[in-house]
PDB file of N, CA and C in Angstrom:
ATOM      1  N   UNK A   1       8.164  17.854   3.518  1.00  0.00           N
ATOM      2  CA  UNK A   1       7.119  16.783   3.551  1.00  0.00           C
ATOM      3  C   UNK A   1       5.907  17.909   2.920  1.00  0.00           C
ATOM      4  N   UNK A   2       4.948  17.447   1.838  1.00  0.00           N
ATOM      5  CA  UNK A   2       3.239  18.337   1.827  1.00  0.00           C
ATOM      6  C   UNK A   2       2.662  17.782   2.409  1.00  0.00           C
ATOM      7  N   UNK A   3       2.045  18.599   2.820  1.00  0.00           N
ATOM      8  CA  UNK A   3       0.880  18.016   3.153  1.00  0.00           C
ATOM      9  C   UNK A   3      -0.932  18.563   1.970  1.00  0.00           C
ATOM     10  N   UNK A   4      -1.089  17.262   2.199  1.00  0.00           N
ATOM     11  CA  UNK A   4      -2.463  16.958   1.321  1.00  0.00           C
ATOM     12  C   UNK A   4      -4.350  17.625   2.405  1.00  0.00           C
ATOM     13  N   UNK A   5      -4.847  18.237   1.268  1.00  0.00           N
ATOM     14  CA  UNK A   5      -6.191  17.704   2.038  1.00  0.00           C
ATOM     15  C   UNK A   5      -6.868  17.178   1.333  1.00  0.00           C
ATOM     16  N   UNK A   6      -8.004  16.393   1.447  1.00  0.00           N
ATOM     17  CA  UNK A   6      -8.949  15.806   1.089  1.00  0.00           C
ATOM     18  C   UNK A   6     -10.420  17.017   1.231  1.00  0.00           C
ATOM     19  N   UNK A   7     -10.135  16.573  -0.818  1.00  0.00           N
ATOM     20  CA  UNK A   7     -11.975  17.540  -0.005  1.00  0.00           C
ATOM     21  C   UNK A   7     -13.685  15.873   0.260  1.00  0.00           C
ATOM     22  N   UNK A   8     -14.364  17.090   0.467  1.00  0.00           N
ATOM     23  CA  UNK A   8     -15.670  16.210   0.821  1.00  0.00           C
ATOM     24  C   UNK A   8     -15.824  14.993   0.063  1.00  0.00           C
ATOM     25  N   UNK A   9     -15.673  15.365  -1.894  1.00  0.00           N
ATOM     26  CA  UNK A   9     -15.561  14.314  -2.951  1.00  0.00           C
ATOM     27  C   UNK A   9     -14.404  13.688  -2.810  1.00  0.00           C
ATOM     28  N   UNK A  10     -13.520  13.827  -2.059  1.00  0.00           N
ATOM     29  CA  UNK A  10     -12.460  12.962  -1.781  1.00  0.00           C
ATOM     30  C   UNK A  10     -11.261  12.669  -2.660  1.00  0.00           C
ATOM     31  N   UNK A  11     -10.902  14.333  -3.676  1.00  0.00           N
ATOM     32  CA  UNK A  11      -9.817  15.088  -4.010  1.00  0.00           C
ATOM     33  C   UNK A  11      -8.985  15.654  -3.382  1.00  0.00           C
ATOM     34  N   UNK A  12      -8.307  15.370  -4.492  1.00  0.00           N
ATOM     35  CA  UNK A  12      -6.334  16.408  -3.863  1.00  0.00           C
ATOM     36  C   UNK A  12      -5.960  17.501  -4.609  1.00  0.00           C
ATOM     37  N   UNK A  13      -5.438  18.527  -4.497  1.00  0.00           N
ATOM     38  CA  UNK A  13      -4.932  19.133  -5.698  1.00  0.00           C
ATOM     39  C   UNK A  13      -3.475  19.155  -4.859  1.00  0.00           C
ATOM     40  N   UNK A  14      -2.474  19.590  -5.862  1.00  0.00           N
ATOM     41  CA  UNK A  14      -1.251  19.288  -5.443  1.00  0.00           C
ATOM     42  C   UNK A  14      -1.140  20.594  -5.932  1.00  0.00           C
ATOM     43  N   UNK A  15       0.712  21.084  -5.508  1.00  0.00           N
ATOM     44  CA  UNK A  15       0.665  22.311  -5.284  1.00  0.00           C
ATOM     45  C   UNK A  15       1.726  22.656  -6.393  1.00  0.00           C
ATOM     46  N   UNK A  16       1.917  23.600  -6.870  1.00  0.00           N
ATOM     47  CA  UNK A  16       2.727  22.890  -7.793  1.00  0.00           C
ATOM     48  C   UNK A  16       3.668  23.124  -7.703  1.00  0.00           C
ATOM     49  N   UNK A  17       4.535  23.071  -6.354  1.00  0.00           N
ATOM     50  CA  UNK A  17       6.300  23.351  -6.245  1.00  0.00           C
ATOM     51  C   UNK A  17       6.383  21.352  -6.733  1.00  0.00           C
ATOM     52  N   UNK A  18       5.381  20.947  -5.598  1.00  0.00           N
ATOM     53  CA  UNK A  18       5.108  19.308  -6.008  1.00  0.00           C
ATOM     54  C   UNK A  18       4.777  18.806  -7.277  1.00  0.00           C
ATOM     55  N   UNK A  19       4.512  19.625  -8.199  1.00  0.00           N
ATOM     56  CA  UNK A  19       4.011  18.628  -9.666  1.00  0.00           C
ATOM     57  C   UNK A  19       5.052  19.238 -10.437  1.00  0.00           C
ATOM     58  N   UNK A  20       6.399  20.448 -10.314  1.00  0.00           N
ATOM     59  CA  UNK A  20       7.125  20.596 -10.405  1.00  0.00           C
ATOM     60  C   UNK A  20       8.293  19.345 -10.640  1.00  0.00           C
ATOM     61  N   UNK A  21       8.507  19.363  -9.015  1.00  0.00           N
ATOM     62  CA  UNK A  21       8.729  18.456  -8.568  1.00  0.00           C
ATOM     63  C   UNK A  21       9.035  16.813  -9.155  1.00  0.00           C
ATOM     64  N   UNK A  22       7.938  17.134  -9.348  1.00  0.00           N
ATOM     65  CA  UNK A  22       7.425  15.403 -10.244  1.00  0.00           C
ATOM     66  C   UNK A  22       7.781  15.138 -11.161  1.00  0.00           C
ATOM     67  N   UNK A  23       8.212  16.743 -12.212  1.00  0.00           N
ATOM     68  CA  UNK A  23       8.146  16.411 -13.850  1.00  0.00           C
ATOM     69  C   UNK A  23       6.613  16.332 -14.445  1.00  0.00           C
ATOM     70  N   UNK A  24       5.391  17.425 -13.566  1.00  0.00           N
ATOM     71  CA  UNK A  24       4.282  16.486 -14.316  1.00  0.00           C
ATOM     72  C   UNK A  24       3.950  18.504 -14.846  1.00  0.00           C
ATOM     73  N   UNK A  25       3.382  17.864 -16.099  1.00  0.00           N
ATOM     74  CA  UNK A  25       2.393  18.992 -16.095  1.00  0.00           C
ATOM     75  C   UNK A  25       1.113  19.108 -16.953  1.00  0.00           C
ATOM     76  N   UNK A  26       0.448  20.384 -16.999  1.00  0.00           N
ATOM     77  CA  UNK A  26      -0.973  20.203 -17.637  1.00  0.00           C
ATOM     78  C   UNK A  26      -1.633  19.540 -18.012  1.00  0.00           C
ATOM     79  N   UNK A  27      -2.434  17.838 -17.457  1.00  0.00           N
ATOM     80  CA  UNK A  27      -3.235  17.465 -19.218  1.00  0.00           C
ATOM     81  C   UNK A  27      -2.693  16.540 -18.417  1.00  0.00           C
ATOM     82  N   UNK A  28      -1.287  16.100 -18.546  1.00  0.00           N
ATOM     83  CA  UNK A  28      -0.734  14.835 -17.973  1.00  0.00           C
ATOM     84  C   UNK A  28      -1.303  14.144 -17.215  1.00  0.00           C
ATOM     85  N   UNK A  29      -0.654  12.675 -16.319  1.00  0.00           N
ATOM     86  CA  UNK A  29      -1.922  11.854 -16.233  1.00  0.00           C
ATOM     87  C   UNK A  29      -0.351  11.868 -13.957  1.00  0.00           C
ATOM     88  N   UNK A  30      -0.567  11.058 -13.246  1.00  0.00           N
ATOM     89  CA  UNK A  30       0.118  10.930 -12.415  1.00  0.00           C
ATOM     90  C   UNK A  30      -0.619   8.809 -12.484  1.00  0.00           C
ATOM     91  N   UNK A  31       0.723   8.652 -11.808  1.00  0.00           N
ATOM     92  CA  UNK A  31       1.211   7.468 -11.494  1.00  0.00           C
ATOM     93  C   UNK A  31       0.472   6.875  -9.549  1.00  0.00           C
ATOM     94  N   UNK A  32       0.499   6.232  -9.436  1.00  0.00           N
ATOM     95  CA  UNK A  32      -0.036   6.074  -7.271  1.00  0.00           C
ATOM     96  C   UNK A  32       0.133   4.581  -7.465  1.00  0.00           C
ATOM     97  N   UNK A  33       1.441   4.271  -6.726  1.00  0.00           N
ATOM     98  CA  UNK A  33       1.821   2.767  -6.751  1.00  0.00           C
ATOM     99  C   UNK A  33       1.465   2.466  -5.501  1.00  0.00           C
ATOM    100  N   UNK A  34      -0.082   1.671  -4.735  1.00  0.00           N
ATOM    101  CA  UNK A  34      -0.120   1.593  -3.073  1.00  0.00           C
ATOM    102  C   UNK A  34       0.542   0.267  -2.895  1.00  0.00           C
ATOM    103  N   UNK A  35       1.290   1.094  -1.509  1.00  0.00           N
ATOM    104  CA  UNK A  35       1.539  -0.398  -0.582  1.00  0.00           C
ATOM    105  C   UNK A  35       0.944  -0.654   0.440  1.00  0.00           C
ATOM    106  N   UNK A  36       1.727  -1.775   0.893  1.00  0.00           N
ATOM    107  CA  UNK A  36       1.153  -2.103   2.536  1.00  0.00           C
ATOM    108  C   UNK A  36       1.163  -1.334   3.298  1.00  0.00           C
ATOM    109  N   UNK A  37       0.745  -1.307   4.543  1.00  0.00           N
ATOM    110  CA  UNK A  37       0.519  -0.068   5.539  1.00  0.00           C
ATOM    111  C   UNK A  37       0.127   1.104   5.644  1.00  0.00           C
ATOM    112  N   UNK A  38      -0.658   1.762   4.098  1.00  0.00           N
ATOM    113  CA  UNK A  38      -1.234   2.310   3.895  1.00  0.00           C
ATOM    114  C   UNK A  38      -0.226   3.734   3.168  1.00  0.00           C
ATOM    115  N   UNK A  39       1.177   3.084   2.715  1.00  0.00           N
ATOM    116  CA  UNK A  39       1.674   3.912   1.897  1.00  0.00           C
ATOM    117  C   UNK A  39       1.920   4.069   0.168  1.00  0.00           C
ATOM    118  N   UNK A  40       2.204   4.746  -0.014  1.00  0.00           N
ATOM    119  CA  UNK A  40       2.830   4.194  -2.065  1.00  0.00           C
ATOM    120  C   UNK A  40       3.209   5.266  -2.125  1.00  0.00           C
ATOM    121  N   UNK A  41       3.778   5.668  -3.450  1.00  0.00           N
ATOM    122  CA  UNK A  41       4.914   5.726  -4.763  1.00  0.00           C
ATOM    123  C   UNK A  41       3.959   6.609  -6.353  1.00  0.00           C
ATOM    124  N   UNK A  42       3.968   7.819  -5.558  1.00  0.00           N
ATOM    125  CA  UNK A  42       3.647   8.874  -6.947  1.00  0.00           C
ATOM    126  C   UNK A  42       4.539   9.668  -7.524  1.00  0.00           C
ATOM    127  N   UNK A  43       3.901   9.115  -8.482  1.00  0.00           N
ATOM    128  CA  UNK A  43       4.644   9.548 -10.170  1.00  0.00           C
ATOM    129  C   UNK A  43       4.079  10.182 -10.447  1.00  0.00           C
ATOM    130  N   UNK A  44       4.752  10.529 -12.326  1.00  0.00           N
ATOM    131  CA  UNK A  44       4.238  11.331 -13.711  1.00  0.00           C
ATOM    132  C   UNK A  44       4.492   9.711 -14.263  1.00  0.00           C
ATOM    133  N   UNK A  45       3.724   9.883 -14.530  1.00  0.00           N
ATOM    134  CA  UNK A  45       2.917   8.407 -15.849  1.00  0.00           C
ATOM    135  C   UNK A  45       3.849   8.828 -16.776  1.00  0.00           C
ATOM    136  N   UNK A  46       4.280   7.961 -17.702  1.00  0.00           N
ATOM    137  CA  UNK A  46       5.394   8.584 -18.298  1.00  0.00           C
ATOM    138  C   UNK A  46       4.681   7.136 -19.554  1.00  0.00           C
ATOM    139  N   UNK A  47       4.507   7.690 -20.941  1.00  0.00           N
ATOM    140  CA  UNK A  47       4.137   6.572 -21.487  1.00  0.00           C
ATOM    141  C   UNK A  47       4.544   5.234 -22.003  1.00  0.00           C
ATOM    142  N   UNK A  48       4.114   4.234 -22.041  1.00  0.00           N
ATOM    143  CA  UNK A  48       5.448   2.734 -21.854  1.00  0.00           C
ATOM    144  C   UNK A  48       4.790   2.296 -23.185  1.00  0.00           C
ATOM    145  N   UNK A  49       6.188   2.043 -24.566  1.00  0.00           N
ATOM    146  CA  UNK A  49       5.935   1.519 -25.291  1.00  0.00           C
ATOM    147  C   UNK A  49       6.959   1.278 -25.965  1.00  0.00           C
ATOM    148  N   UNK A  50       7.189   1.027 -26.977  1.00  0.00           N
ATOM    149  CA  UNK A  50       8.553   1.190 -27.481  1.00  0.00           C
ATOM    150  C   UNK A  50       9.370   1.605 -29.365  1.00  0.00           C
ATOM    151  N   UNK A  51      10.014   1.514 -29.839  1.00  0.00           N
ATOM    152  CA  UNK A  51      10.811   2.556 -30.307  1.00  0.00           C
ATOM    153  C   UNK A  51       9.640   2.379 -31.216  1.00  0.00           C
ATOM    154  N   UNK A  52       8.682   1.724 -31.962  1.00  0.00           N
ATOM    155  CA  UNK A  52       7.925   2.236 -33.046  1.00  0.00           C
ATOM    156  C   UNK A  52       6.364   3.283 -32.260  1.00  0.00           C
ATOM    157  N   UNK A  53       6.417   3.750 -31.562  1.00  0.00           N
ATOM    158  CA  UNK A  53       5.996   5.091 -31.670  1.00  0.00           C
ATOM    159  C   UNK A  53       6.262   5.867 -32.221  1.00  0.00           C
ATOM    160  N   UNK A  54       7.596   6.152 -32.247  1.00  0.00           N
ATOM    161  CA  UNK A  54       8.030   7.219 -32.630  1.00  0.00           C
ATOM    162  C   UNK A  54       8.801   7.058 -34.389  1.00  0.00           C
ATOM    163  N   UNK A  55       7.852   5.681 -34.782  1.00  0.00           N
ATOM    164  CA  UNK A  55       8.885   5.382 -36.838  1.00  0.00           C
ATOM    165  C   UNK A  55       7.367   6.500 -37.307  1.00  0.00           C
ATOM    166  N   UNK A  56       7.669   7.409 -37.927  1.00  0.00           N
ATOM    167  CA  UNK A  56       7.762   8.715 -39.119  1.00  0.00           C
ATOM    168  C   UNK A  56       6.884   9.964 -38.022  1.00  0.00           C
ATOM    169  N   UNK A  57       7.138  10.064 -36.942  1.00  0.00           N
ATOM    170  CA  UNK A  57       6.846  11.312 -36.415  1.00  0.00           C
ATOM    171  C   UNK A  57       7.585  12.395 -36.921  1.00  0.00           C
ATOM    172  N   UNK A  58       8.994  12.258 -37.193  1.00  0.00           N
ATOM    173  CA  UNK A  58       9.449  14.109 -37.351  1.00  0.00           C
ATOM    174  C   UNK A  58       8.189  14.196 -39.731  1.00  0.00           C
ATOM    175  N   UNK A  59       7.455  12.862 -40.370  1.00  0.00           N
ATOM    176  CA  UNK A  59       7.465  12.717 -41.272  1.00  0.00           C
ATOM    177  C   UNK A  59       7.208  13.716 -42.128  1.00  0.00           C
ATOM    178  N   UNK A  60       7.052  14.443 -42.637  1.00  0.00           N
ATOM    179  CA  UNK A  60       6.658  15.717 -43.946  1.00  0.00           C
ATOM    180  C   UNK A  60       6.876  17.173 -43.222  1.00  0.00           C
ATOM    181  N   UNK A  61       7.874  16.967 -42.009  1.00  0.00           N
ATOM    182  CA  UNK A  61       8.045  18.292 -41.655  1.00  0.00           C
ATOM    183  C   UNK A  61       8.966  18.651 -43.276  1.00  0.00           C
ATOM    184  N   UNK A  62       9.464  18.226 -43.192  1.00  0.00           N
ATOM    185  CA  UNK A  62      10.759  18.725 -43.628  1.00  0.00           C
ATOM    186  C   UNK A  62      11.003  18.294 -44.953  1.00  0.00           C
ATOM    187  N   UNK A  63      11.037  19.475 -45.784  1.00  0.00           N
ATOM    188  CA  UNK A  63      11.931  18.861 -48.084  1.00  0.00           C
ATOM    189  C   UNK A  63      12.493  18.075 -47.833  1.00  0.00           C
ATOM    190  N   UNK A  64      13.947  18.417 -46.962  1.00  0.00           N
ATOM    191  CA  UNK A  64      14.722  18.733 -47.143  1.00  0.00           C
ATOM    192  C   UNK A  64      15.300  16.663 -46.631  1.00  0.00           C
ATOM    193  N   UNK A  65      15.739  15.768 -47.267  1.00  0.00           N
ATOM    194  CA  UNK A  65      16.016  14.582 -47.285  1.00  0.00           C
ATOM    195  C   UNK A  65      18.230  14.269 -47.128  1.00  0.00           C
ATOM    196  N   UNK A  66      18.295  13.629 -46.055  1.00  0.00           N
ATOM    197  CA  UNK A  66      20.120  13.494 -45.684  1.00  0.00           C
ATOM    198  C   UNK A  66      20.134  11.928 -45.937  1.00  0.00           C
ATOM    199  N   UNK A  67      21.630  12.323 -45.998  1.00  0.00           N
ATOM    200  CA  UNK A  67      22.045  11.203 -46.587  1.00  0.00           C
ATOM    201  C   UNK A  67      21.965   9.922 -45.352  1.00  0.00           C
ATOM    202  N   UNK A  68      23.053   9.140 -44.914  1.00  0.00           N
ATOM    203  CA  UNK A  68      23.086   8.433 -43.940  1.00  0.00           C
ATOM    204  C   UNK A  68      24.861   8.929 -43.887  1.00  0.00           C
ATOM    205  N   UNK A  69      24.953   9.722 -44.287  1.00  0.00           N
ATOM    206  CA  UNK A  69      26.599   9.840 -43.997  1.00  0.00           C
ATOM    207  C   UNK A  69      26.484  11.531 -43.048  1.00  0.00           C
ATOM    208  N   UNK A  70      25.212  12.247 -43.660  1.00  0.00           N
ATOM    209  CA  UNK A  70      25.169  13.088 -43.296  1.00  0.00           C
ATOM    210  C   UNK A  70      24.212  13.311 -41.888  1.00  0.00           C
ATOM    211  N   UNK A  71      23.728  11.597 -41.413  1.00  0.00           N
ATOM    212  CA  UNK A  71      23.244  12.114 -40.611  1.00  0.00           C
ATOM    213  C   UNK A  71      24.027  11.889 -39.658  1.00  0.00           C
ATOM    214  N   UNK A  72      24.847   9.914 -40.116  1.00  0.00           N
ATOM    215  CA  UNK A  72      25.294  10.046 -38.703  1.00  0.00           C
ATOM    216  C   UNK A  72      26.864  11.515 -38.037  1.00  0.00           C
ATOM    217  N   UNK A  73      27.300  12.468 -39.416  1.00  0.00           N
ATOM    218  CA  UNK A  73      27.295  13.056 -39.045  1.00  0.00           C
ATOM    219  C   UNK A  73      26.852  13.946 -38.178  1.00  0.00           C
ATOM    220  N   UNK A  74      25.878  14.186 -38.179  1.00  0.00           N
ATOM    221  CA  UNK A  74      25.102  14.645 -37.159  1.00  0.00           C
ATOM    222  C   UNK A  74      25.344  14.645 -35.867  1.00  0.00           C
ATOM    223  N   UNK A  75      25.463  13.027 -36.010  1.00  0.00           N
ATOM    224  CA  UNK A  75      24.507  12.669 -34.708  1.00  0.00           C
ATOM    225  C   UNK A  75      25.923  12.172 -33.978  1.00  0.00           C
ATOM    226  N   UNK A  76      26.489  12.631 -34.928  1.00  0.00           N
ATOM    227  CA  UNK A  76      28.919  13.202 -33.756  1.00  0.00           C
ATOM    228  C   UNK A  76      28.935  14.912 -33.513  1.00  0.00           C
ATOM    229  N   UNK A  77      27.964  15.012 -34.472  1.00  0.00           N
ATOM    230  CA  UNK A  77      28.414  16.706 -33.705  1.00  0.00           C
ATOM    231  C   UNK A  77      27.639  16.574 -32.754  1.00  0.00           C
ATOM    232  N   UNK A  78      26.902  15.404 -32.499  1.00  0.00           N
ATOM    233  CA  UNK A  78      25.456  15.851 -31.466  1.00  0.00           C
ATOM    234  C   UNK A  78      25.904  15.356 -29.901  1.00  0.00           C
ATOM    235  N   UNK A  79      27.232  14.593 -31.057  1.00  0.00           N
ATOM    236  CA  UNK A  79      27.683  14.150 -29.400  1.00  0.00           C
ATOM    237  C   UNK A  79      28.432  14.239 -29.200  1.00  0.00           C
ATOM    238  N   UNK A  80      29.505  15.702 -29.054  1.00  0.00           N
ATOM    239  CA  UNK A  80      29.849  16.193 -28.548  1.00  0.00           C
ATOM    240  C   UNK A  80      30.432  17.455 -28.539  1.00  0.00           C
ATOM    241  N   UNK A  81      28.251  17.508 -28.286  1.00  0.00           N
ATOM    242  CA  UNK A  81      28.213  19.206 -28.221  1.00  0.00           C
ATOM    243  C   UNK A  81      28.899  19.975 -29.296  1.00  0.00           C
ATOM    244  N   UNK A  82      29.006  20.230 -30.453  1.00  0.00           N
ATOM    245  CA  UNK A  82      28.903  20.776 -31.878  1.00  0.00           C
ATOM    246  C   UNK A  82      26.829  21.488 -32.090  1.00  0.00           C
ATOM    247  N   UNK A  83      27.031  22.932 -33.118  1.00  0.00           N
ATOM    248  CA  UNK A  83      25.479  22.525 -33.542  1.00  0.00           C
ATOM    249  C   UNK A  83      26.321  22.342 -35.134  1.00  0.00           C
TER     250      UNK A  83
END
């Protein structure tokens, strides 16, 4: 169990290995769920949202336009572990 020290300003610093275990990188947020009995659950705060957030994410990054058949073939190869 990792022990943290609270500063006089009420701040704590998580050790690097704790942040790595939680999958948290610099600049990311941490979520703390408060539980009864003075307990809590700490985890990486992941953005919630629907599929709409990724629409247009790669727009303009390539000049190649793929057909539906090419896209389906690439998906099949990806699932099969091929490049």
